[in-house]
Amino acid sequence: MMVYTVVFSREAKKSIDRLGEIGKRRIRDKISELMVDPYKAGKPLMGPFKVRNIWSSRIGSYRLLYVIFEDKRTVLVVRVDRRRRAYRV
């Protein structure tokens, strides 16, 4: 089993830091899923996000947006935000 490396954008790190302890635990659980199989942990987005190959994973009322770099076996988490704000370009 190949494991993916998960890295965070500066914006995503700031968002996670603002979460409470329960939110951070749920994010850690989702990151574990991303490391094993990012394709099963979320779904590809459509519209302007499809061009950038952005995926979304649901964590309660929050969304974790990420990009998969298969050649480097890396997942870049670009945004963690509430659903109503997460998809604003």
C-alpha atoms as a PDB file:
ATOM      1  CA  MET A   1       0.000   0.000   0.000  1.00  0.00           C
ATOM      2  CA  MET A   2       1.414   3.351  -1.072  1.00  0.00           C
ATOM      3  CA  VAL A   3       0.889   6.239   1.314  1.00  0.00           C
ATOM      4  CA  TYR A   4       0.348   9.803   0.145  1.00  0.00           C
ATOM      5  CA  THR A   5       2.086  12.742   1.793  1.00  0.00           C
ATOM      6  CA  VAL A   6      -0.337  15.480   2.895  1.00  0.00           C
ATOM      7  CA  VAL A   7       0.822  19.115   2.874  1.00  0.00           C
ATOM      8  CA  PHE A   8      -1.140  22.249   3.757  1.00  0.00           C
ATOM      9  CA  SER A   9      -1.368  25.705   2.237  1.00  0.00           C
ATOM     10  CA  ARG A  10      -0.834  28.638   4.589  1.00  0.00           C
ATOM     11  CA  GLU A  11      -4.567  29.445   4.399  1.00  0.00           C
ATOM     12  CA  ALA A  12      -5.544  25.876   5.311  1.00  0.00           C
ATOM     13  CA  LYS A  13      -3.173  25.850   8.307  1.00  0.00           C
ATOM     14  CA  LYS A  14      -4.675  29.101   9.616  1.00  0.00           C
ATOM     15  CA  SER A  15      -8.202  27.730   9.244  1.00  0.00           C
ATOM     16  CA  ILE A  16      -7.331  24.542  11.112  1.00  0.00           C
ATOM     17  CA  ASP A  17      -5.634  26.519  13.906  1.00  0.00           C
ATOM     18  CA  ARG A  18      -8.888  28.449  14.468  1.00  0.00           C
ATOM     19  CA  LEU A  19     -10.918  25.265  14.968  1.00  0.00           C
ATOM     20  CA  GLY A  20     -11.766  23.815  18.359  1.00  0.00           C
ATOM     21  CA  GLU A  21     -10.371  20.542  19.628  1.00  0.00           C
ATOM     22  CA  ILE A  22     -13.233  18.446  18.215  1.00  0.00           C
ATOM     23  CA  GLY A  23     -12.848  20.059  14.791  1.00  0.00           C
ATOM     24  CA  LYS A  24      -9.118  19.433  14.805  1.00  0.00           C
ATOM     25  CA  ARG A  25      -9.680  15.773  15.696  1.00  0.00           C
ATOM     26  CA  ARG A  26     -12.134  15.371  12.818  1.00  0.00           C
ATOM     27  CA  ILE A  27      -9.615  16.998  10.453  1.00  0.00           C
ATOM     28  CA  ARG A  28      -6.894  14.581  11.647  1.00  0.00           C
ATOM     29  CA  ASP A  29      -9.215  11.649  10.947  1.00  0.00           C
ATOM     30  CA  LYS A  30      -9.890  12.945   7.434  1.00  0.00           C
ATOM     31  CA  ILE A  31      -6.169  13.485   6.818  1.00  0.00           C
ATOM     32  CA  SER A  32      -5.599   9.823   7.706  1.00  0.00           C
ATOM     33  CA  GLU A  33      -8.125   8.885   5.008  1.00  0.00           C
ATOM     34  CA  LEU A  34      -6.400  11.174   2.482  1.00  0.00           C
ATOM     35  CA  MET A  35      -3.048   9.530   3.184  1.00  0.00           C
ATOM     36  CA  VAL A  36      -4.433   6.081   2.371  1.00  0.00           C
ATOM     37  CA  ASP A  37      -6.632   6.903  -0.647  1.00  0.00           C
ATOM     38  CA  PRO A  38      -7.491  10.528  -1.521  1.00  0.00           C
ATOM     39  CA  TYR A  39      -9.779   9.336  -4.321  1.00  0.00           C
ATOM     40  CA  LYS A  40     -12.098   7.559  -1.863  1.00  0.00           C
ATOM     41  CA  ALA A  41     -11.936  10.329   0.768  1.00  0.00           C
ATOM     42  CA  GLY A  42     -13.696  12.907  -1.426  1.00  0.00           C
ATOM     43  CA  LYS A  43     -15.102  13.762  -4.810  1.00  0.00           C
ATOM     44  CA  PRO A  44     -13.871  15.830  -7.760  1.00  0.00           C
ATOM     45  CA  LEU A  45     -15.463  19.256  -8.086  1.00  0.00           C
ATOM     46  CA  MET A  46     -17.109  20.612 -11.217  1.00  0.00           C
ATOM     47  CA  GLY A  47     -17.168  24.019 -12.912  1.00  0.00           C
ATOM     48  CA  PRO A  48     -14.152  26.292 -12.407  1.00  0.00           C
ATOM     49  CA  PHE A  49     -12.716  23.859  -9.851  1.00  0.00           C
ATOM     50  CA  LYS A  50     -12.545  20.999 -12.377  1.00  0.00           C
ATOM     51  CA  VAL A  51      -9.987  22.878 -14.458  1.00  0.00           C
ATOM     52  CA  ARG A  52      -7.709  23.034 -11.413  1.00  0.00           C
ATOM     53  CA  ASN A  53      -8.356  19.380 -10.485  1.00  0.00           C
ATOM     54  CA  ILE A  54      -9.683  20.292  -7.028  1.00  0.00           C
ATOM     55  CA  TRP A  55     -11.363  17.655  -4.871  1.00  0.00           C
ATOM     56  CA  SER A  56     -13.674  18.149  -1.896  1.00  0.00           C
ATOM     57  CA  SER A  57     -14.135  16.112   1.249  1.00  0.00           C
ATOM     58  CA  ARG A  58     -16.928  16.649   3.749  1.00  0.00           C
ATOM     59  CA  ILE A  59     -16.269  17.038   7.474  1.00  0.00           C
ATOM     60  CA  GLY A  60     -19.622  17.926   9.035  1.00  0.00           C
ATOM     61  CA  SER A  61     -20.463  21.487   7.981  1.00  0.00           C
ATOM     62  CA  TYR A  62     -16.864  22.031   6.845  1.00  0.00           C
ATOM     63  CA  ARG A  63     -15.259  21.192   3.521  1.00  0.00           C
ATOM     64  CA  LEU A  64     -11.659  20.271   2.919  1.00  0.00           C
ATOM     65  CA  LEU A  65     -10.539  21.198  -0.610  1.00  0.00           C
ATOM     66  CA  TYR A  66      -7.456  19.476  -1.966  1.00  0.00           C
ATOM     67  CA  VAL A  67      -5.415  18.710  -5.078  1.00  0.00           C
ATOM     68  CA  ILE A  68      -3.884  15.303  -5.773  1.00  0.00           C
ATOM     69  CA  PHE A  69      -0.410  15.163  -7.328  1.00  0.00           C
ATOM     70  CA  GLU A  70      -0.193  11.519  -8.358  1.00  0.00           C
ATOM     71  CA  ASP A  71       3.360  11.749  -9.731  1.00  0.00           C
ATOM     72  CA  LYS A  72       4.662  12.885  -6.309  1.00  0.00           C
ATOM     73  CA  ARG A  73       2.114  10.854  -4.273  1.00  0.00           C
ATOM     74  CA  THR A  74       1.207  14.118  -2.538  1.00  0.00           C
ATOM     75  CA  VAL A  75      -2.088  15.725  -1.510  1.00  0.00           C
ATOM     76  CA  LEU A  76      -2.120  19.512  -1.131  1.00  0.00           C
ATOM     77  CA  VAL A  77      -4.878  20.754   1.176  1.00  0.00           C
ATOM     78  CA  VAL A  78      -5.680  24.208  -0.192  1.00  0.00           C
ATOM     79  CA  ARG A  79      -8.675  25.192   1.939  1.00  0.00           C
ATOM     80  CA  VAL A  80     -10.615  24.204   5.050  1.00  0.00           C
ATOM     81  CA  ASP A  81     -13.768  26.245   5.561  1.00  0.00           C
ATOM     82  CA  ARG A  82     -17.483  26.135   6.231  1.00  0.00           C
ATOM     83  CA  ARG A  83     -19.484  24.864   3.269  1.00  0.00           C
ATOM     84  CA  ARG A  84     -21.060  28.210   2.429  1.00  0.00           C
ATOM     85  CA  ARG A  85     -17.629  29.884   2.116  1.00  0.00           C
ATOM     86  CA  ALA A  86     -15.431  27.013   0.923  1.00  0.00           C
ATOM     87  CA  TYR A  87     -16.408  27.138  -2.737  1.00  0.00           C
ATOM     88  CA  ARG A  88     -15.942  30.874  -3.311  1.00  0.00           C
ATOM     89  CA  VAL A  89     -13.282  31.321  -5.947  1.00  0.00           C
END
